[in-house]
Amino acid sequence: MNHWDDSMVGRPETNGPGYVTGWTVSGLAVLGAIVAVWLLGI
């Protein structure tokens, strides 16, 4: 196997404000979905 590296496919920065914002938004979306299912009783 050849080892290759591509800047377009590389891992994202894990210490930037975009990373923190993304995790915060996704976490709030998951919590919102759980609360919505709980309140609607689906």
C-alpha atoms as a PDB file:
ATOM      1  CA  MET A   1       0.000   0.000   0.000  1.00  0.00           C
ATOM      2  CA  ASN A   2       1.242   3.446  -0.854  1.00  0.00           C
ATOM      3  CA  HIS A   3       0.866   6.160   1.745  1.00  0.00           C
ATOM      4  CA  TRP A   4      -0.765   9.269   0.319  1.00  0.00           C
ATOM      5  CA  ASP A   5      -1.790  12.592   1.747  1.00  0.00           C
ATOM      6  CA  ASP A   6      -4.156  15.118   0.220  1.00  0.00           C
ATOM      7  CA  SER A   7      -4.817  18.542   1.680  1.00  0.00           C
ATOM      8  CA  MET A   8      -8.469  18.365   0.560  1.00  0.00           C
ATOM      9  CA  VAL A   9      -9.038  15.058   2.394  1.00  0.00           C
ATOM     10  CA  GLY A  10      -6.871  15.718   5.444  1.00  0.00           C
ATOM     11  CA  ARG A  11      -8.160  15.847   8.982  1.00  0.00           C
ATOM     12  CA  PRO A  12      -9.704  19.170  10.011  1.00  0.00           C
ATOM     13  CA  GLU A  13      -8.193  21.424  12.640  1.00  0.00           C
ATOM     14  CA  THR A  14      -9.247  20.228  16.083  1.00  0.00           C
ATOM     15  CA  ASN A  15      -8.454  23.390  18.016  1.00  0.00           C
ATOM     16  CA  GLY A  16     -10.184  26.151  16.084  1.00  0.00           C
ATOM     17  CA  PRO A  17     -13.365  28.093  16.816  1.00  0.00           C
ATOM     18  CA  GLY A  18     -15.139  26.406  13.901  1.00  0.00           C
ATOM     19  CA  TYR A  19     -14.465  22.994  15.426  1.00  0.00           C
ATOM     20  CA  VAL A  20     -15.890  24.040  18.803  1.00  0.00           C
ATOM     21  CA  THR A  21     -18.886  25.729  17.169  1.00  0.00           C
ATOM     22  CA  GLY A  22     -19.624  22.658  15.059  1.00  0.00           C
ATOM     23  CA  TRP A  23     -19.597  20.341  18.057  1.00  0.00           C
ATOM     24  CA  THR A  24     -21.747  22.764  20.068  1.00  0.00           C
ATOM     25  CA  VAL A  25     -24.350  23.073  17.299  1.00  0.00           C
ATOM     26  CA  SER A  26     -24.451  19.319  16.692  1.00  0.00           C
ATOM     27  CA  GLY A  27     -24.752  18.656  20.420  1.00  0.00           C
ATOM     28  CA  LEU A  28     -27.633  21.101  20.766  1.00  0.00           C
ATOM     29  CA  ALA A  29     -29.334  19.562  17.730  1.00  0.00           C
ATOM     30  CA  VAL A  30     -29.118  16.090  19.276  1.00  0.00           C
ATOM     31  CA  LEU A  31     -30.441  17.327  22.612  1.00  0.00           C
ATOM     32  CA  GLY A  32     -33.250  19.197  20.831  1.00  0.00           C
ATOM     33  CA  ALA A  33     -34.231  16.061  18.928  1.00  0.00           C
ATOM     34  CA  ILE A  34     -34.279  13.992  22.131  1.00  0.00           C
ATOM     35  CA  VAL A  35     -36.420  16.570  23.938  1.00  0.00           C
ATOM     36  CA  ALA A  36     -38.777  16.860  20.952  1.00  0.00           C
ATOM     37  CA  VAL A  37     -39.279  13.097  20.829  1.00  0.00           C
ATOM     38  CA  TRP A  38     -39.798  13.020  24.600  1.00  0.00           C
ATOM     39  CA  LEU A  39     -42.351  15.854  24.557  1.00  0.00           C
ATOM     40  CA  LEU A  40     -44.257  14.583  21.525  1.00  0.00           C
ATOM     41  CA  GLY A  41     -44.239  11.030  22.822  1.00  0.00           C
ATOM     42  CA  ILE A  42     -43.276   9.536  19.477  1.00  0.00           C
END
